Amino acid sequence: MLSRYDSSCTHAQSLRSSLKVHDLVNDNQKTEEQKIALAKEMVQSLPMEQQEGVLGVIKSLIEAFVQHTQYTLEQIREKIMTAKQQKLEAVQNMKPMKRQAGQSHSSESNSVSAESKEKKP
């Protein structure tokens, strides 16, 4: 019975420590170096059996962060590729417009010169 109680207390302390580490990871006021130093300090202050539990939680947090980061990077790559494609299409669509604008401008000047020729005689 006593060992069961000790086990429950150890588990509860491990969970509390895990939550402290989780809060530390999400603390935006500290630099990454400060977070790492504090996390090491917190884990080393625990008894050995609790350290394993906390390290497991830290590992899970790191894995979740890496997955989130990769997902975000994939989204960024997609947006960059989409933007490049849209820019390319816009440039390709502009080239014919320039020619048309140039042609219509020259045809206007042709009609103006034709009108001026008619007025001269």
N, C-alpha and C. Protein backbone atom coordinates (compact mmCIF):
# COMPACT_ATOMS: atom_id res chain seq x y z
N MET A 1 0.82 -1.20 0.00
CA MET A 1 0.00 0.00 0.00
C MET A 1 0.87 1.26 0.00
N LEU A 2 1.90 1.23 0.79
CA LEU A 2 2.78 2.39 0.88
C LEU A 2 3.53 2.62 -0.43
N SER A 3 3.97 1.54 -1.08
CA SER A 3 4.68 1.69 -2.35
C SER A 3 3.76 2.24 -3.43
N ARG A 4 2.49 1.88 -3.35
CA ARG A 4 1.52 2.40 -4.31
C ARG A 4 1.36 3.91 -4.12
N TYR A 5 1.32 4.33 -2.86
CA TYR A 5 1.22 5.76 -2.54
C TYR A 5 2.47 6.49 -3.02
N ASP A 6 3.63 5.91 -2.76
CA ASP A 6 4.88 6.52 -3.22
C ASP A 6 4.89 6.65 -4.73
N SER A 7 4.40 5.62 -5.39
CA SER A 7 4.34 5.64 -6.85
C SER A 7 3.42 6.75 -7.34
N SER A 8 2.27 6.91 -6.68
CA SER A 8 1.32 7.96 -7.06
C SER A 8 1.92 9.34 -6.83
N CYS A 9 2.61 9.51 -5.71
CA CYS A 9 3.24 10.80 -5.42
C CYS A 9 4.34 11.11 -6.43
N THR A 10 5.11 10.08 -6.74
CA THR A 10 6.19 10.26 -7.72
C THR A 10 5.60 10.64 -9.07
N HIS A 11 4.51 9.97 -9.45
CA HIS A 11 3.86 10.27 -10.73
C HIS A 11 3.32 11.70 -10.72
N ALA A 12 2.69 12.11 -9.62
CA ALA A 12 2.14 13.46 -9.52
C ALA A 12 3.25 14.51 -9.58
N GLN A 13 4.35 14.25 -8.88
CA GLN A 13 5.48 15.19 -8.93
C GLN A 13 6.05 15.27 -10.35
N SER A 14 6.10 14.13 -11.00
CA SER A 14 6.61 14.09 -12.37
C SER A 14 5.72 14.91 -13.30
N LEU A 15 4.41 14.77 -13.11
CA LEU A 15 3.47 15.54 -13.93
C LEU A 15 3.60 17.04 -13.66
N ARG A 16 3.74 17.42 -12.39
CA ARG A 16 3.92 18.83 -12.05
C ARG A 16 5.19 19.38 -12.69
N SER A 17 6.24 18.59 -12.62
CA SER A 17 7.51 19.01 -13.23
C SER A 17 7.36 19.13 -14.74
N SER A 18 6.62 18.19 -15.32
CA SER A 18 6.40 18.23 -16.76
C SER A 18 5.65 19.50 -17.15
N LEU A 19 4.66 19.86 -16.34
CA LEU A 19 3.90 21.08 -16.62
C LEU A 19 4.77 22.32 -16.49
N LYS A 20 5.67 22.32 -15.51
CA LYS A 20 6.59 23.45 -15.37
C LYS A 20 7.47 23.58 -16.60
N VAL A 21 7.96 22.44 -17.09
CA VAL A 21 8.80 22.46 -18.29
C VAL A 21 7.98 22.92 -19.48
N HIS A 22 6.74 22.45 -19.58
CA HIS A 22 5.86 22.86 -20.68
C HIS A 22 5.63 24.37 -20.64
N ASP A 23 5.37 24.91 -19.44
CA ASP A 23 5.19 26.37 -19.30
C ASP A 23 6.47 27.11 -19.70
N LEU A 24 7.59 26.54 -19.32
CA LEU A 24 8.88 27.15 -19.65
C LEU A 24 9.07 27.21 -21.16
N VAL A 25 8.73 26.12 -21.83
CA VAL A 25 8.89 26.05 -23.29
C VAL A 25 8.03 27.12 -23.97
N ASN A 26 6.86 27.37 -23.44
CA ASN A 26 5.94 28.34 -24.05
C ASN A 26 6.15 29.77 -23.56
N ASP A 27 7.14 30.01 -22.70
CA ASP A 27 7.41 31.35 -22.17
C ASP A 27 8.12 32.18 -23.24
N ASN A 28 7.43 33.19 -23.75
CA ASN A 28 7.99 34.02 -24.82
C ASN A 28 8.93 35.11 -24.30
N GLN A 29 9.00 35.27 -22.98
CA GLN A 29 9.84 36.31 -22.39
C GLN A 29 11.31 35.90 -22.30
N LYS A 30 11.57 34.59 -22.40
CA LYS A 30 12.93 34.09 -22.23
C LYS A 30 13.52 33.67 -23.57
N THR A 31 14.85 33.79 -23.67
CA THR A 31 15.53 33.33 -24.88
C THR A 31 15.62 31.81 -24.86
N GLU A 32 15.93 31.22 -25.99
CA GLU A 32 16.05 29.77 -26.06
C GLU A 32 17.15 29.26 -25.12
N GLU A 33 18.25 30.00 -25.02
CA GLU A 33 19.34 29.59 -24.14
C GLU A 33 18.89 29.59 -22.68
N GLN A 34 18.14 30.61 -22.30
CA GLN A 34 17.62 30.68 -20.93
C GLN A 34 16.67 29.53 -20.65
N LYS A 35 15.82 29.22 -21.62
CA LYS A 35 14.87 28.12 -21.45
C LYS A 35 15.60 26.80 -21.27
N ILE A 36 16.62 26.57 -22.07
CA ILE A 36 17.37 25.32 -21.99
C ILE A 36 18.07 25.21 -20.64
N ALA A 37 18.70 26.29 -20.20
CA ALA A 37 19.40 26.28 -18.91
C ALA A 37 18.43 26.01 -17.76
N LEU A 38 17.28 26.67 -17.77
CA LEU A 38 16.29 26.46 -16.71
C LEU A 38 15.72 25.05 -16.75
N ALA A 39 15.47 24.53 -17.94
CA ALA A 39 14.95 23.17 -18.06
C ALA A 39 15.95 22.16 -17.52
N LYS A 40 17.22 22.33 -17.86
CA LYS A 40 18.26 21.43 -17.33
C LYS A 40 18.29 21.48 -15.81
N GLU A 41 18.24 22.69 -15.29
CA GLU A 41 18.26 22.89 -13.84
C GLU A 41 17.07 22.19 -13.19
N MET A 42 15.89 22.36 -13.79
CA MET A 42 14.68 21.75 -13.24
C MET A 42 14.78 20.23 -13.26
N VAL A 43 15.23 19.68 -14.36
CA VAL A 43 15.30 18.22 -14.49
C VAL A 43 16.35 17.65 -13.55
N GLN A 44 17.49 18.31 -13.44
CA GLN A 44 18.56 17.80 -12.58
C GLN A 44 18.19 17.87 -11.10
N SER A 45 17.29 18.76 -10.73
CA SER A 45 16.89 18.86 -9.33
C SER A 45 15.91 17.76 -8.92
N LEU A 46 15.40 17.02 -9.89
CA LEU A 46 14.44 15.95 -9.60
C LEU A 46 15.17 14.66 -9.23
N PRO A 47 14.47 13.78 -8.49
CA PRO A 47 15.02 12.44 -8.28
C PRO A 47 15.13 11.71 -9.62
N MET A 48 16.02 10.74 -9.70
CA MET A 48 16.31 10.05 -10.96
C MET A 48 15.06 9.45 -11.62
N GLU A 49 14.17 8.84 -10.83
CA GLU A 49 12.98 8.20 -11.43
C GLU A 49 12.04 9.23 -12.04
N GLN A 50 12.03 10.44 -11.52
CA GLN A 50 11.18 11.49 -12.09
C GLN A 50 11.82 12.11 -13.33
N GLN A 51 13.12 12.10 -13.38
CA GLN A 51 13.81 12.68 -14.53
C GLN A 51 13.40 11.98 -15.82
N GLU A 52 13.25 10.67 -15.76
CA GLU A 52 12.87 9.91 -16.96
C GLU A 52 11.51 10.37 -17.49
N GLY A 53 10.55 10.56 -16.58
CA GLY A 53 9.22 11.00 -16.99
C GLY A 53 9.24 12.38 -17.62
N VAL A 54 9.98 13.27 -17.01
CA VAL A 54 10.07 14.64 -17.53
C VAL A 54 10.78 14.65 -18.87
N LEU A 55 11.84 13.86 -18.98
CA LEU A 55 12.55 13.80 -20.25
C LEU A 55 11.66 13.24 -21.36
N GLY A 56 10.78 12.31 -21.00
CA GLY A 56 9.83 11.79 -21.98
C GLY A 56 8.88 12.87 -22.47
N VAL A 57 8.42 13.70 -21.54
CA VAL A 57 7.52 14.80 -21.91
C VAL A 57 8.27 15.81 -22.78
N ILE A 58 9.51 16.11 -22.41
CA ILE A 58 10.30 17.05 -23.21
C ILE A 58 10.48 16.51 -24.62
N LYS A 59 10.76 15.23 -24.72
CA LYS A 59 10.93 14.61 -26.04
C LYS A 59 9.64 14.75 -26.85
N SER A 60 8.50 14.51 -26.22
CA SER A 60 7.21 14.65 -26.92
C SER A 60 6.98 16.08 -27.38
N LEU A 61 7.33 17.04 -26.52
CA LEU A 61 7.17 18.45 -26.90
C LEU A 61 8.05 18.81 -28.08
N ILE A 62 9.28 18.31 -28.06
CA ILE A 62 10.20 18.60 -29.17
C ILE A 62 9.67 17.99 -30.46
N GLU A 63 9.18 16.75 -30.39
CA GLU A 63 8.65 16.10 -31.59
C GLU A 63 7.45 16.87 -32.13
N ALA A 64 6.56 17.32 -31.23
CA ALA A 64 5.39 18.08 -31.66
C ALA A 64 5.82 19.39 -32.31
N PHE A 65 6.82 20.05 -31.73
CA PHE A 65 7.33 21.31 -32.29
C PHE A 65 7.91 21.09 -33.68
N VAL A 66 8.68 20.02 -33.83
CA VAL A 66 9.30 19.72 -35.13
C VAL A 66 8.23 19.45 -36.17
N GLN A 67 7.20 18.68 -35.81
CA GLN A 67 6.13 18.41 -36.77
C GLN A 67 5.42 19.69 -37.15
N HIS A 68 5.15 20.55 -36.18
CA HIS A 68 4.47 21.82 -36.47
C HIS A 68 5.34 22.70 -37.37
N THR A 69 6.61 22.74 -37.08
CA THR A 69 7.53 23.56 -37.87
C THR A 69 7.61 23.06 -39.30
N GLN A 70 7.69 21.74 -39.48
CA GLN A 70 7.75 21.18 -40.83
C GLN A 70 6.47 21.50 -41.59
N TYR A 71 5.34 21.39 -40.93
CA TYR A 71 4.08 21.70 -41.58
C TYR A 71 4.05 23.16 -42.01
N THR A 72 4.51 24.02 -41.16
CA THR A 72 4.55 25.43 -41.47
C THR A 72 5.50 25.71 -42.64
N LEU A 73 6.66 25.05 -42.63
CA LEU A 73 7.61 25.23 -43.72
C LEU A 73 7.02 24.75 -45.04
N GLU A 74 6.27 23.65 -45.01
CA GLU A 74 5.63 23.16 -46.23
C GLU A 74 4.62 24.19 -46.74
N GLN A 75 3.87 24.78 -45.83
CA GLN A 75 2.91 25.80 -46.23
C GLN A 75 3.63 27.00 -46.84
N ILE A 76 4.73 27.39 -46.25
CA ILE A 76 5.50 28.53 -46.77
C ILE A 76 6.02 28.22 -48.16
N ARG A 77 6.53 27.02 -48.35
CA ARG A 77 7.02 26.63 -49.68
C ARG A 77 5.90 26.69 -50.71
N GLU A 78 4.72 26.19 -50.34
CA GLU A 78 3.58 26.22 -51.26
C GLU A 78 3.21 27.67 -51.62
N LYS A 79 3.20 28.54 -50.62
CA LYS A 79 2.86 29.94 -50.88
C LYS A 79 3.89 30.60 -51.79
N ILE A 80 5.16 30.29 -51.56
CA ILE A 80 6.22 30.84 -52.41
C ILE A 80 6.05 30.36 -53.84
N MET A 81 5.81 29.07 -54.01
CA MET A 81 5.65 28.51 -55.36
C MET A 81 4.41 29.11 -56.04
N THR A 82 3.34 29.27 -55.30
CA THR A 82 2.13 29.87 -55.85
C THR A 82 2.40 31.32 -56.27
N ALA A 83 3.09 32.06 -55.42
CA ALA A 83 3.41 33.46 -55.74
C ALA A 83 4.31 33.55 -56.97
N LYS A 84 5.29 32.66 -57.07
CA LYS A 84 6.18 32.66 -58.24
C LYS A 84 5.38 32.36 -59.51
N GLN A 85 4.47 31.38 -59.42
CA GLN A 85 3.66 31.02 -60.57
C GLN A 85 2.77 32.19 -60.99
N GLN A 86 2.15 32.86 -60.01
CA GLN A 86 1.30 34.01 -60.31
C GLN A 86 2.10 35.14 -60.93
N LYS A 87 3.30 35.36 -60.44
CA LYS A 87 4.15 36.41 -60.99
C LYS A 87 4.53 36.08 -62.43
N LEU A 88 4.88 34.82 -62.67
CA LEU A 88 5.24 34.39 -64.02
C LEU A 88 4.06 34.58 -64.97
N GLU A 89 2.87 34.18 -64.53
CA GLU A 89 1.68 34.34 -65.36
C GLU A 89 1.40 35.82 -65.62
N ALA A 90 1.57 36.65 -64.61
CA ALA A 90 1.34 38.08 -64.78
C ALA A 90 2.32 38.68 -65.78
N VAL A 91 3.56 38.27 -65.70
CA VAL A 91 4.57 38.77 -66.64
C VAL A 91 4.24 38.31 -68.06
N GLN A 92 3.84 37.06 -68.20
CA GLN A 92 3.49 36.54 -69.52
C GLN A 92 2.26 37.24 -70.08
N ASN A 93 1.32 37.57 -69.22
CA ASN A 93 0.12 38.27 -69.67
C ASN A 93 0.40 39.72 -70.02
N MET A 94 1.41 40.31 -69.43
CA MET A 94 1.74 41.71 -69.70
C MET A 94 2.42 41.89 -71.04
N LYS A 95 3.20 40.94 -71.49
CA LYS A 95 3.94 41.08 -72.75
C LYS A 95 3.01 41.33 -73.93
N PRO A 96 1.96 40.53 -74.12
CA PRO A 96 1.06 40.82 -75.25
C PRO A 96 0.36 42.17 -75.10
N MET A 97 0.08 42.58 -73.88
CA MET A 97 -0.58 43.87 -73.68
C MET A 97 0.32 45.01 -74.12
N LYS A 98 1.60 44.89 -73.87
CA LYS A 98 2.53 45.94 -74.29
C LYS A 98 2.55 46.05 -75.81
N ARG A 99 2.55 44.90 -76.47
CA ARG A 99 2.55 44.92 -77.93
C ARG A 99 1.26 45.56 -78.45
N GLN A 100 0.14 45.16 -77.85
CA GLN A 100 -1.13 45.72 -78.29
C GLN A 100 -1.17 47.22 -78.04
N ALA A 101 -0.68 47.62 -76.90
CA ALA A 101 -0.67 49.05 -76.58
C ALA A 101 0.23 49.78 -77.56
N GLY A 102 1.35 49.20 -77.90
CA GLY A 102 2.27 49.81 -78.86
C GLY A 102 1.64 49.87 -80.23
N GLN A 103 0.93 48.83 -80.62
CA GLN A 103 0.29 48.79 -81.93
C GLN A 103 -0.84 49.81 -82.00
N SER A 104 -1.63 49.89 -80.95
CA SER A 104 -2.74 50.83 -80.98
C SER A 104 -2.20 52.26 -80.97
N HIS A 105 -1.10 52.47 -80.27
CA HIS A 105 -0.49 53.80 -80.25
C HIS A 105 0.02 54.18 -81.64
N SER A 106 0.65 53.24 -82.31
CA SER A 106 1.18 53.53 -83.65
C SER A 106 0.03 53.70 -84.64
N SER A 107 -1.06 52.96 -84.47
CA SER A 107 -2.18 53.13 -85.38
C SER A 107 -2.84 54.48 -85.15
N GLU A 108 -2.86 54.95 -83.88
CA GLU A 108 -3.40 56.28 -83.60
C GLU A 108 -2.53 57.34 -84.26
N SER A 109 -1.23 57.18 -84.17
CA SER A 109 -0.35 58.17 -84.78
C SER A 109 -0.47 58.11 -86.29
N ASN A 110 -0.72 56.92 -86.85
CA ASN A 110 -0.94 56.81 -88.29
C ASN A 110 -2.21 57.55 -88.69
N SER A 111 -3.25 57.40 -87.88
CA SER A 111 -4.49 58.09 -88.23
C SER A 111 -4.33 59.60 -88.06
N VAL A 112 -3.56 60.01 -87.07
CA VAL A 112 -3.30 61.44 -86.87
C VAL A 112 -2.51 61.98 -88.05
N SER A 113 -1.49 61.25 -88.48
CA SER A 113 -0.70 61.73 -89.61
C SER A 113 -1.54 61.72 -90.89
N ALA A 114 -2.45 60.78 -91.02
CA ALA A 114 -3.32 60.76 -92.18
C ALA A 114 -4.26 61.96 -92.16
N GLU A 115 -4.77 62.29 -90.97
CA GLU A 115 -5.64 63.46 -90.84
C GLU A 115 -4.88 64.74 -91.17
N SER A 116 -3.65 64.82 -90.68
CA SER A 116 -2.87 66.03 -90.93
C SER A 116 -2.54 66.14 -92.41
N LYS A 117 -2.36 65.01 -93.09
CA LYS A 117 -2.09 65.05 -94.53
C LYS A 117 -3.32 65.56 -95.27
N GLU A 118 -4.50 65.14 -94.78
CA GLU A 118 -5.72 65.58 -95.44
C GLU A 118 -5.93 67.08 -95.27
N LYS A 119 -5.54 67.60 -94.11
CA LYS A 119 -5.76 69.03 -93.85
C LYS A 119 -4.79 69.91 -94.63
N LYS A 120 -3.57 69.42 -94.88
CA LYS A 120 -2.56 70.24 -95.53
C LYS A 120 -2.95 70.68 -96.94
N PRO A 121 -3.46 69.84 -97.78
CA PRO A 121 -3.71 70.34 -99.15
C PRO A 121 -4.87 71.25 -99.25
